[in-house]
Amino acid sequence: MAYAVSIGAVAIFMILYMLLRRRVKPVYCKNLSDAEFEARAKEFVRAMPLPKKCAEVPSFASDIKRSASKLSSRRYGGQFDCLILTKETLKKMCATQGLGALPSVDGLPRCVRLAKFCLEMSGGRADQHRIRVVLEAQNEWRTLTFAETEALCWAFKYALAEQLASLYQKLYTVAKFQDIAKKYVRSRGKRGKKYADPKKSKLFLSLCANAAGYRADIYQTTLEEFREECGRQTEVIMSALETVERIDFSSFYSPLEIYDKYEIFSSSDAGTKRNFLSSASKISDKENLDEFLSAVQVDRYMLSASSGHMSVMRVKLFGRAACFVTQKRDISMLGAALGSRYFMDLYFQPKNAGRKYKSIIKNREFENRFEPIYKFKNVNFGISAKDGMLKLSPKLPLGVTCADVEFEYGGTRHAIHLKRGDERAMYIGDTRINGVDCIPLGERPLDITLILPD
């Protein structure tokens, strides 16, 4: 009796699981033109309602593993093995990495919705220009939070995992069609009514021809085309994954446009910046304020506030002075850090300061071009004269076509002219210099022209 009850409970559980199990929905992609994509992106971000806290983010890992396991079984003779990704790749792609704690729209994190839109409207490809278009459109409408910006890479991986799960589900459906085709061939078509619908499919007829042993090209074309198309989709997903992993999404956090004006912040290590921005995000959330507007508030506070809003307790201890600093976690804490290197390190430097962090703002592929409130353009002359060797790595923002600057080293003034051009080139006077990264500085004034590519 006990065994019967246990078996019955397991059977009921399995039936309920099969009935209630989430099904992988097919993902359809189309490739819009750049102009249409930009217009649709603006419409998409403006149509999204205000996000709510937390979302349920189901993982596609079990669906992918289940389909991959079935496709890799012996009954299919290894014909799908070339389309099955490695376990390491699947693990890297299927991690949700805290997406459920992010602001959500209709039960799905907002950053995931942006990633899905970008991929599905670009033919499944991760185009760097289109990623920038979507994220800048969102920031111009409503600023992405710091936590969302940190999770953008995982959001794109999640969208790619959904595409992969949909592809594997389609492959498994065709694999089951192949089993049906074998039964149909063995029955010599006597059960025709049962297979009335599949017989209308060219792919099913191609599978039947393959099961019957026909090797003529005319019977194999449809099946081979399907396999090639699935192979191309797999390559697109893998290429998109590589592209997404190369991008430093932190450059799309628009408050950096303001905080990076302060030398103390811009020269801090990535870990310190991350802690500072995380605190700034929590403060703006506490005040129910957009994070870009919160950064504007901090910027204005720096122009008017005094330096001290902290409590310090000093204790004499064994011939030393021990100081205990308490600071309320509000705008004054951010202002103190931006105004003092000491307090920036004291409040926000990580405990494991020797650990290496990924760059928080430096990215050669992307530029911050957000213009919701402030219209300023930051010019970076990139002048380094260490040990008497001049090295130039300037960066002109969009719209700035040329700039002239004079700097002094060792009592000698040198002139530098920055201009836009077709290719990078450097001139000293009228002489072009090739293959040289550093220029020695001496007592003779130099007139240097550096051409920067558009």
Protein backbone atom coordinates (compact mmCIF):
# COMPACT_ATOMS: atom_id res chain seq x y z
CA MET A 1 0.00 0.00 0.00
CA ALA A 2 2.81 2.38 0.93
CA TYR A 3 4.51 1.74 -2.44
CA ALA A 4 1.27 2.35 -4.28
CA VAL A 5 0.78 5.72 -2.53
CA SER A 6 4.37 6.74 -3.31
CA ILE A 7 4.09 5.70 -6.95
CA GLY A 8 0.76 7.52 -7.26
CA ALA A 9 2.18 10.71 -5.75
CA VAL A 10 5.16 10.64 -8.09
CA ALA A 11 2.88 9.99 -11.07
CA ILE A 12 0.62 12.90 -10.12
CA PHE A 13 3.63 15.15 -9.67
CA MET A 14 5.02 14.22 -13.09
CA ILE A 15 1.65 14.79 -14.78
CA LEU A 16 1.28 18.21 -13.14
CA TYR A 17 4.88 19.08 -14.08
CA MET A 18 4.31 18.17 -17.72
CA LEU A 19 1.05 20.15 -17.83
CA LEU A 20 2.32 23.26 -16.01
CA ARG A 21 5.91 23.32 -17.25
CA ARG A 22 6.85 26.59 -18.95
CA ARG A 23 7.09 26.20 -22.69
CA VAL A 24 9.83 27.90 -24.69
CA LYS A 25 8.21 30.40 -27.02
CA PRO A 26 9.61 30.73 -30.53
CA VAL A 27 11.75 33.83 -31.11
CA TYR A 28 11.30 35.65 -34.41
CA CYS A 29 13.93 38.13 -35.64
CA LYS A 30 13.86 40.64 -38.45
CA ASN A 31 16.53 43.01 -39.70
CA LEU A 32 15.39 46.63 -39.94
CA SER A 33 17.29 49.36 -41.74
CA ASP A 34 19.33 51.73 -39.56
CA ALA A 35 16.87 54.61 -39.98
CA GLU A 36 13.83 52.43 -39.23
CA PHE A 37 15.63 50.82 -36.28
CA GLU A 38 16.41 54.20 -34.72
CA ALA A 39 12.81 55.37 -35.09
CA ARG A 40 11.43 52.11 -33.69
CA ALA A 41 13.90 52.26 -30.77
CA LYS A 42 12.64 55.70 -29.72
CA GLU A 43 9.04 54.50 -29.96
CA PHE A 44 9.86 51.36 -27.98
CA VAL A 45 11.50 53.10 -25.00
CA ARG A 46 8.76 55.74 -24.81
CA ALA A 47 6.02 53.11 -24.86
CA MET A 48 7.45 51.25 -21.87
CA PRO A 49 5.69 52.15 -18.60
CA LEU A 50 7.56 53.03 -15.43
CA PRO A 51 9.36 49.94 -14.10
CA LYS A 52 8.56 48.21 -10.84
CA LYS A 53 10.87 46.52 -8.40
CA CYS A 54 11.89 42.88 -8.91
CA ALA A 55 10.88 40.44 -11.59
CA GLU A 56 10.71 36.71 -12.13
CA VAL A 57 13.45 35.73 -14.54
CA PRO A 58 13.10 32.05 -15.47
CA SER A 59 16.31 30.42 -16.59
CA PHE A 60 16.54 28.77 -20.00
CA ALA A 61 19.35 26.50 -18.83
CA SER A 62 17.10 23.50 -18.14
CA ASP A 63 15.28 23.87 -21.47
CA ILE A 64 18.55 24.09 -23.41
CA LYS A 65 20.12 21.16 -21.55
CA ARG A 66 16.99 19.04 -22.01
CA SER A 67 16.84 19.68 -25.76
CA ALA A 68 20.62 19.27 -26.19
CA SER A 69 20.53 15.96 -24.34
CA LYS A 70 17.74 14.62 -26.56
CA LEU A 71 19.42 15.83 -29.76
CA SER A 72 22.72 14.19 -28.72
CA SER A 73 21.15 10.76 -28.20
CA ARG A 74 22.29 7.83 -30.35
CA ARG A 75 18.99 7.55 -32.18
CA TYR A 76 19.87 10.65 -34.22
CA GLY A 77 23.32 9.40 -35.19
CA GLY A 78 25.22 12.57 -34.24
CA GLN A 79 23.65 14.65 -37.04
CA PHE A 80 22.94 17.53 -34.61
CA ASP A 81 26.23 17.38 -32.69
CA CYS A 82 27.80 20.22 -34.67
CA LEU A 83 24.99 22.54 -33.47
CA ILE A 84 25.33 21.71 -29.75
CA LEU A 85 27.41 24.27 -27.85
CA THR A 86 29.95 23.28 -25.19
CA LYS A 87 28.96 23.08 -21.52
CA GLU A 88 31.26 26.02 -20.68
CA THR A 89 29.55 28.24 -23.29
CA LEU A 90 26.08 27.23 -22.14
CA LYS A 91 26.97 27.91 -18.50
CA LYS A 92 28.33 31.34 -19.41
CA MET A 93 25.24 32.20 -21.45
CA CYS A 94 22.52 30.92 -19.12
CA ALA A 95 23.56 32.65 -15.87
CA THR A 96 20.89 35.17 -14.80
CA GLN A 97 23.33 36.99 -12.42
CA GLY A 98 20.81 38.88 -10.27
CA LEU A 99 18.53 40.04 -13.10
CA GLY A 100 15.48 39.34 -10.95
CA ALA A 101 16.36 42.16 -8.55
CA LEU A 102 16.32 44.83 -11.27
CA PRO A 103 13.47 47.23 -12.19
CA SER A 104 10.98 45.32 -14.32
CA VAL A 105 8.29 46.04 -16.88
CA ASP A 106 5.44 43.53 -17.11
CA GLY A 107 7.42 40.95 -15.16
CA LEU A 108 10.63 41.19 -17.21
CA PRO A 109 13.67 43.36 -16.33
CA ARG A 110 13.74 46.55 -18.35
CA CYS A 111 17.33 45.98 -19.47
CA VAL A 112 16.36 42.51 -20.77
CA ARG A 113 13.53 44.05 -22.79
CA LEU A 114 16.00 46.51 -24.33
CA ALA A 115 18.40 43.67 -25.16
CA LYS A 116 15.63 41.55 -26.72
CA PHE A 117 14.44 44.47 -28.85
CA CYS A 118 17.97 45.26 -30.04
CA LEU A 119 18.71 41.65 -31.05
CA GLU A 120 15.33 40.77 -32.53
CA MET A 121 15.20 43.93 -34.68
CA SER A 122 18.76 43.33 -35.95
CA GLY A 123 18.32 39.82 -37.29
CA GLY A 124 19.58 38.31 -34.02
CA ARG A 125 22.95 40.05 -34.38
CA ALA A 126 24.62 42.19 -31.70
CA ASP A 127 25.46 45.32 -33.66
CA GLN A 128 27.51 47.78 -31.59
CA HIS A 129 26.02 50.84 -33.27
CA ARG A 130 22.46 49.66 -32.69
CA ILE A 131 23.20 48.79 -29.07
CA ARG A 132 24.37 52.36 -28.59
CA VAL A 133 21.23 53.72 -30.33
CA VAL A 134 18.86 51.76 -28.07
CA LEU A 135 20.65 52.53 -24.80
CA GLU A 136 21.08 56.22 -25.57
CA ALA A 137 17.40 56.46 -26.53
CA GLN A 138 16.52 54.93 -23.15
CA ASN A 139 18.83 57.30 -21.25
CA GLU A 140 17.39 60.32 -23.03
CA TRP A 141 13.90 59.23 -21.96
CA ARG A 142 14.55 57.67 -18.54
CA THR A 143 18.00 57.03 -17.12
CA LEU A 144 19.10 53.44 -16.68
CA THR A 145 20.04 52.76 -13.08
CA PHE A 146 23.59 51.85 -12.15
CA ALA A 147 22.52 48.29 -11.30
CA GLU A 148 20.88 47.96 -14.74
CA THR A 149 24.00 49.26 -16.46
CA GLU A 150 26.13 46.75 -14.56
CA ALA A 151 23.78 43.94 -15.64
CA LEU A 152 23.49 44.87 -19.34
CA CYS A 153 25.99 42.22 -20.40
CA TRP A 154 23.95 39.56 -18.58
CA ALA A 155 20.74 40.94 -20.05
CA PHE A 156 22.06 40.45 -23.59
CA LYS A 157 23.30 36.97 -22.70
CA TYR A 158 19.85 36.15 -21.34
CA ALA A 159 18.24 37.29 -24.60
CA LEU A 160 20.73 35.15 -26.56
CA ALA A 161 19.96 32.17 -24.30
CA GLU A 162 16.28 32.56 -25.16
CA GLN A 163 17.16 32.54 -28.88
CA LEU A 164 19.26 29.42 -28.38
CA ALA A 165 16.48 27.67 -26.43
CA SER A 166 14.04 28.50 -29.23
CA LEU A 167 16.46 27.16 -31.85
CA TYR A 168 17.04 23.92 -29.94
CA GLN A 169 13.28 23.49 -29.48
CA LYS A 170 12.83 23.83 -33.25
CA LEU A 171 15.63 21.30 -33.85
CA TYR A 172 14.04 18.82 -31.46
CA THR A 173 10.67 19.28 -33.19
CA VAL A 174 12.31 18.39 -36.50
CA ALA A 175 14.03 15.43 -34.82
CA LYS A 176 10.61 14.15 -33.71
CA PHE A 177 9.36 14.73 -37.26
CA GLN A 178 12.21 12.51 -38.38
CA ASP A 179 10.95 9.71 -36.09
CA ILE A 180 7.46 10.13 -37.54
CA ALA A 181 8.90 10.03 -41.07
CA LYS A 182 10.58 6.69 -40.36
CA LYS A 183 7.31 5.21 -39.07
CA TYR A 184 5.48 6.59 -42.10
CA VAL A 185 7.99 5.00 -44.49
CA ARG A 186 7.85 1.65 -42.64
CA SER A 187 4.05 1.63 -42.89
CA ARG A 188 4.38 2.33 -46.66
CA GLY A 189 1.94 5.19 -46.33
CA LYS A 190 -0.95 3.02 -45.15
CA ARG A 191 -1.60 5.35 -42.19
CA GLY A 192 -1.96 8.34 -44.46
CA LYS A 193 -4.80 10.04 -42.60
CA LYS A 194 -2.74 10.17 -39.40
CA TYR A 195 0.03 12.03 -41.24
CA ALA A 196 -2.20 14.22 -43.40
CA ASP A 197 -0.84 17.49 -42.02
CA PRO A 198 2.89 16.60 -42.01
CA LYS A 199 2.63 15.38 -45.62
CA LYS A 200 2.04 18.98 -46.67
CA SER A 201 5.47 19.96 -45.37
CA LYS A 202 8.41 19.87 -47.80
CA LEU A 203 10.73 19.26 -44.87
CA PHE A 204 8.69 16.22 -43.78
CA LEU A 205 8.77 14.81 -47.33
CA SER A 206 12.53 15.37 -47.39
CA LEU A 207 12.83 13.46 -44.09
CA CYS A 208 10.74 10.65 -45.57
CA ALA A 209 13.03 10.51 -48.62
CA ASN A 210 16.03 10.33 -46.33
CA ALA A 211 14.41 7.55 -44.27
CA ALA A 212 13.58 5.63 -47.45
CA GLY A 213 17.19 5.75 -48.59
CA TYR A 214 16.79 8.14 -51.51
CA ARG A 215 20.07 9.97 -52.10
CA ALA A 216 19.19 12.17 -55.05
CA ASP A 217 19.87 15.88 -54.54
CA ILE A 218 16.26 16.76 -55.22
CA TYR A 219 15.19 14.94 -52.03
CA GLN A 220 18.04 16.22 -49.88
CA THR A 221 17.89 19.93 -50.72
CA THR A 222 15.20 20.96 -48.22
CA LEU A 223 16.76 19.03 -45.34
CA GLU A 224 20.25 20.38 -46.06
CA GLU A 225 18.92 23.92 -46.34
CA PHE A 226 17.29 23.56 -42.93
CA ARG A 227 20.50 22.29 -41.35
CA GLU A 228 22.53 25.08 -42.96
CA GLU A 229 20.05 27.69 -41.74
CA CYS A 230 20.26 26.32 -38.17
CA GLY A 231 24.05 26.36 -38.46
CA ARG A 232 23.96 30.02 -39.52
CA GLN A 233 21.68 30.90 -36.61
CA THR A 234 24.07 29.18 -34.20
CA GLU A 235 27.00 31.14 -35.65
CA VAL A 236 25.04 34.40 -35.29
CA ILE A 237 24.32 33.63 -31.62
CA MET A 238 27.98 32.80 -30.92
CA SER A 239 29.18 35.93 -32.75
CA ALA A 240 26.70 38.06 -30.79
CA LEU A 241 27.92 36.50 -27.53
CA GLU A 242 31.54 37.44 -28.37
CA THR A 243 30.50 40.98 -29.29
CA VAL A 244 28.53 41.47 -26.07
CA GLU A 245 31.44 40.26 -23.94
CA ARG A 246 33.79 42.82 -25.56
CA ILE A 247 31.62 45.83 -24.76
CA ASP A 248 32.15 47.89 -21.61
CA PHE A 249 28.51 48.75 -20.89
CA SER A 250 29.48 51.04 -18.00
CA SER A 251 30.07 53.79 -20.57
CA PHE A 252 26.27 53.96 -20.99
CA TYR A 253 25.67 55.10 -17.42
CA SER A 254 24.77 58.73 -18.17
CA PRO A 255 25.64 60.25 -14.72
CA LEU A 256 29.29 59.53 -15.61
CA GLU A 257 28.96 62.52 -17.92
CA ILE A 258 28.81 64.68 -14.78
CA TYR A 259 30.92 62.77 -12.26
CA ASP A 260 33.80 62.38 -14.72
CA LYS A 261 34.29 66.17 -14.70
CA TYR A 262 35.81 65.84 -11.23
CA GLU A 263 39.46 64.87 -11.36
CA ILE A 264 39.26 62.95 -8.08
CA PHE A 265 36.57 60.67 -9.48
CA SER A 266 38.04 60.29 -12.97
CA SER A 267 41.47 59.35 -11.62
CA SER A 268 40.13 56.80 -9.10
CA ASP A 269 40.45 53.08 -9.69
CA ALA A 270 37.50 51.13 -11.08
CA GLY A 271 36.60 49.56 -7.72
CA THR A 272 36.34 52.95 -6.02
CA LYS A 273 34.23 54.31 -8.87
CA ARG A 274 31.93 51.31 -8.69
CA ASN A 275 31.36 51.77 -4.96
CA PHE A 276 30.79 55.51 -5.38
CA LEU A 277 28.27 55.04 -8.20
CA SER A 278 26.49 52.27 -6.32
CA SER A 279 26.06 54.56 -3.29
CA ALA A 280 24.92 57.44 -5.52
CA SER A 281 22.33 55.11 -7.08
CA LYS A 282 20.98 54.05 -3.67
CA ILE A 283 20.78 57.67 -2.53
CA SER A 284 18.81 58.71 -5.63
CA ASP A 285 16.51 55.70 -5.18
CA LYS A 286 15.90 56.70 -1.56
CA GLU A 287 14.95 60.21 -2.70
CA ASN A 288 12.85 58.78 -5.59
CA LEU A 289 14.89 60.81 -8.07
CA ASP A 290 16.18 59.98 -11.54
CA GLU A 291 19.88 59.10 -11.26
CA PHE A 292 20.95 61.67 -13.85
CA LEU A 293 19.01 64.39 -12.02
CA SER A 294 20.57 63.18 -8.78
CA ALA A 295 24.01 63.65 -10.35
CA VAL A 296 22.98 67.18 -11.39
CA GLN A 297 21.96 67.80 -7.78
CA VAL A 298 25.36 66.63 -6.55
CA ASP A 299 27.06 68.87 -9.13
CA ARG A 300 25.14 71.91 -7.89
CA TYR A 301 25.82 70.95 -4.29
CA MET A 302 29.56 71.04 -5.03
CA LEU A 303 29.26 74.67 -6.13
CA SER A 304 27.50 75.87 -3.00
CA ALA A 305 28.09 73.54 -0.04
CA SER A 306 30.71 73.72 2.66
CA SER A 307 33.18 70.86 3.02
CA GLY A 308 32.21 69.41 6.37
CA HIS A 309 29.05 67.52 7.34
CA MET A 310 30.69 64.66 9.15
CA SER A 311 31.21 63.74 12.78
CA VAL A 312 34.73 62.96 13.98
CA MET A 313 35.57 61.39 17.34
CA ARG A 314 39.23 61.38 18.41
CA VAL A 315 40.63 59.01 21.00
CA LYS A 316 44.20 58.94 22.36
CA LEU A 317 45.37 55.37 22.31
CA PHE A 318 48.91 54.23 23.28
CA GLY A 319 50.55 57.41 22.09
CA ARG A 320 48.50 57.53 18.91
CA ALA A 321 45.35 59.42 17.91
CA ALA A 322 42.52 57.17 16.72
CA CYS A 323 39.82 59.00 14.74
CA PHE A 324 36.33 57.60 14.14
CA VAL A 325 34.50 59.30 11.28
CA THR A 326 30.73 58.97 10.84
CA GLN A 327 29.03 60.32 7.75
CA LYS A 328 25.36 60.17 6.84
CA ARG A 329 24.86 58.36 3.52
CA ASP A 330 23.42 61.27 1.57
CA ILE A 331 24.46 63.91 -0.94
CA SER A 332 26.97 65.42 1.49
CA MET A 333 28.89 62.13 1.53
CA LEU A 334 29.16 62.19 -2.27
CA GLY A 335 30.21 65.84 -2.20
CA ALA A 336 32.92 65.17 0.38
CA ALA A 337 34.31 62.34 -1.76
CA LEU A 338 34.32 64.41 -4.97
CA GLY A 339 36.07 67.26 -3.16
CA SER A 340 38.77 65.27 -1.38
CA ARG A 341 40.95 62.36 -2.48
CA TYR A 342 41.27 61.34 1.17
CA PHE A 343 37.52 61.01 1.68
CA MET A 344 37.00 59.35 -1.70
CA ASP A 345 39.41 56.59 -0.65
CA LEU A 346 38.11 56.52 2.92
CA TYR A 347 34.46 56.08 1.95
CA PHE A 348 34.61 54.12 -1.29
CA GLN A 349 37.96 52.40 -1.82
CA PRO A 350 37.42 48.61 -1.76
CA LYS A 351 38.90 46.65 1.12
CA ASN A 352 40.81 44.49 -1.37
CA ALA A 353 42.28 47.50 -3.14
CA GLY A 354 44.86 45.36 -4.93
CA ARG A 355 42.20 43.47 -6.86
CA LYS A 356 41.88 44.28 -10.57
CA TYR A 357 38.50 45.56 -11.79
CA LYS A 358 37.15 45.89 -15.28
CA SER A 359 37.22 49.44 -16.62
CA ILE A 360 34.24 51.48 -15.47
CA ILE A 361 34.29 54.14 -18.21
CA LYS A 362 37.17 53.63 -20.63
CA ASN A 363 35.99 52.15 -23.91
CA ARG A 364 37.36 52.95 -27.34
CA GLU A 365 34.28 51.75 -29.16
CA PHE A 366 31.73 53.93 -27.38
CA GLU A 367 31.34 57.53 -26.32
CA ASN A 368 28.86 59.10 -23.93
CA ARG A 369 26.73 61.44 -26.02
CA PHE A 370 23.80 61.97 -23.66
CA GLU A 371 22.24 65.42 -23.76
CA PRO A 372 19.13 65.38 -21.55
CA ILE A 373 20.06 68.50 -19.48
CA TYR A 374 23.72 69.43 -19.73
CA LYS A 375 25.05 70.34 -23.17
CA PHE A 376 28.75 70.45 -22.36
CA LYS A 377 31.41 68.54 -24.33
CA ASN A 378 34.48 67.21 -22.56
CA VAL A 379 37.77 67.61 -24.43
CA ASN A 380 40.64 65.36 -23.39
CA PHE A 381 43.99 66.65 -24.72
CA GLY A 382 45.77 63.50 -23.52
CA ILE A 383 49.16 65.19 -23.01
CA SER A 384 51.81 63.18 -21.17
CA ALA A 385 55.37 64.54 -20.79
CA LYS A 386 56.82 61.96 -18.43
CA ASP A 387 60.65 61.82 -18.34
CA GLY A 388 60.87 64.39 -21.12
CA MET A 389 59.03 62.20 -23.67
CA LEU A 390 55.85 63.66 -25.11
CA LYS A 391 53.02 61.24 -25.76
CA LEU A 392 49.66 62.37 -27.16
CA SER A 393 46.39 60.46 -26.84
CA PRO A 394 43.70 63.14 -27.22
CA LYS A 395 39.98 62.61 -27.64
CA LEU A 396 37.75 65.18 -29.29
CA PRO A 397 34.00 64.85 -28.71
CA LEU A 398 31.53 64.89 -31.57
CA GLY A 399 31.13 68.34 -33.09
CA VAL A 400 34.64 69.54 -32.17
CA THR A 401 36.67 69.74 -35.40
CA CYS A 402 39.92 71.31 -34.14
CA ALA A 403 41.68 72.58 -31.02
CA ASP A 404 44.93 74.46 -30.34
CA VAL A 405 46.80 74.21 -27.07
CA GLU A 406 50.13 75.40 -25.69
CA PHE A 407 51.92 73.67 -22.85
CA GLU A 408 55.17 74.31 -21.05
CA TYR A 409 57.83 71.77 -20.10
CA GLY A 410 61.23 72.61 -18.66
CA GLY A 411 60.71 76.30 -19.30
CA THR A 412 60.00 75.79 -23.02
CA ARG A 413 56.57 76.35 -24.58
CA HIS A 414 55.32 73.94 -27.22
CA ALA A 415 52.29 74.26 -29.50
CA ILE A 416 49.92 71.42 -30.37
CA HIS A 417 47.22 71.61 -33.06
CA LEU A 418 44.50 68.94 -33.09
CA LYS A 419 42.49 68.53 -36.30
CA ARG A 420 40.04 66.12 -37.86
CA GLY A 421 41.05 64.13 -40.94
CA ASP A 422 40.68 60.91 -42.90
CA GLU A 423 43.50 59.06 -41.13
CA ARG A 424 45.74 59.54 -38.12
CA ALA A 425 48.90 61.49 -38.87
CA MET A 426 51.48 63.57 -36.95
CA TYR A 427 53.55 66.51 -38.19
CA ILE A 428 56.39 68.49 -36.58
CA GLY A 429 56.32 71.69 -38.52
CA ASP A 430 55.82 70.58 -42.12
CA THR A 431 57.50 67.18 -41.66
CA ARG A 432 55.33 64.11 -41.25
CA ILE A 433 56.42 61.66 -38.55
CA ASN A 434 55.57 57.98 -39.06
CA GLY A 435 55.88 55.06 -36.64
CA VAL A 436 56.72 57.26 -33.64
CA ASP A 437 54.67 57.20 -30.44
CA CYS A 438 56.82 59.51 -28.29
CA ILE A 439 58.63 62.77 -29.11
CA PRO A 440 61.63 63.91 -27.01
CA LEU A 441 61.24 67.39 -25.53
CA GLY A 442 64.14 69.80 -25.28
CA GLU A 443 64.87 73.51 -25.23
CA ARG A 444 63.72 73.98 -28.82
CA PRO A 445 60.00 74.86 -29.10
CA LEU A 446 58.01 72.34 -31.13
CA ASP A 447 55.01 73.01 -33.37
CA ILE A 448 53.10 69.73 -33.52
CA THR A 449 50.01 68.99 -35.62
CA LEU A 450 48.07 65.80 -34.89
CA ILE A 451 45.37 64.63 -37.31
CA LEU A 452 42.65 62.52 -35.69
CA PRO A 453 40.45 60.29 -37.87
CA ASP A 454 36.75 61.13 -38.08
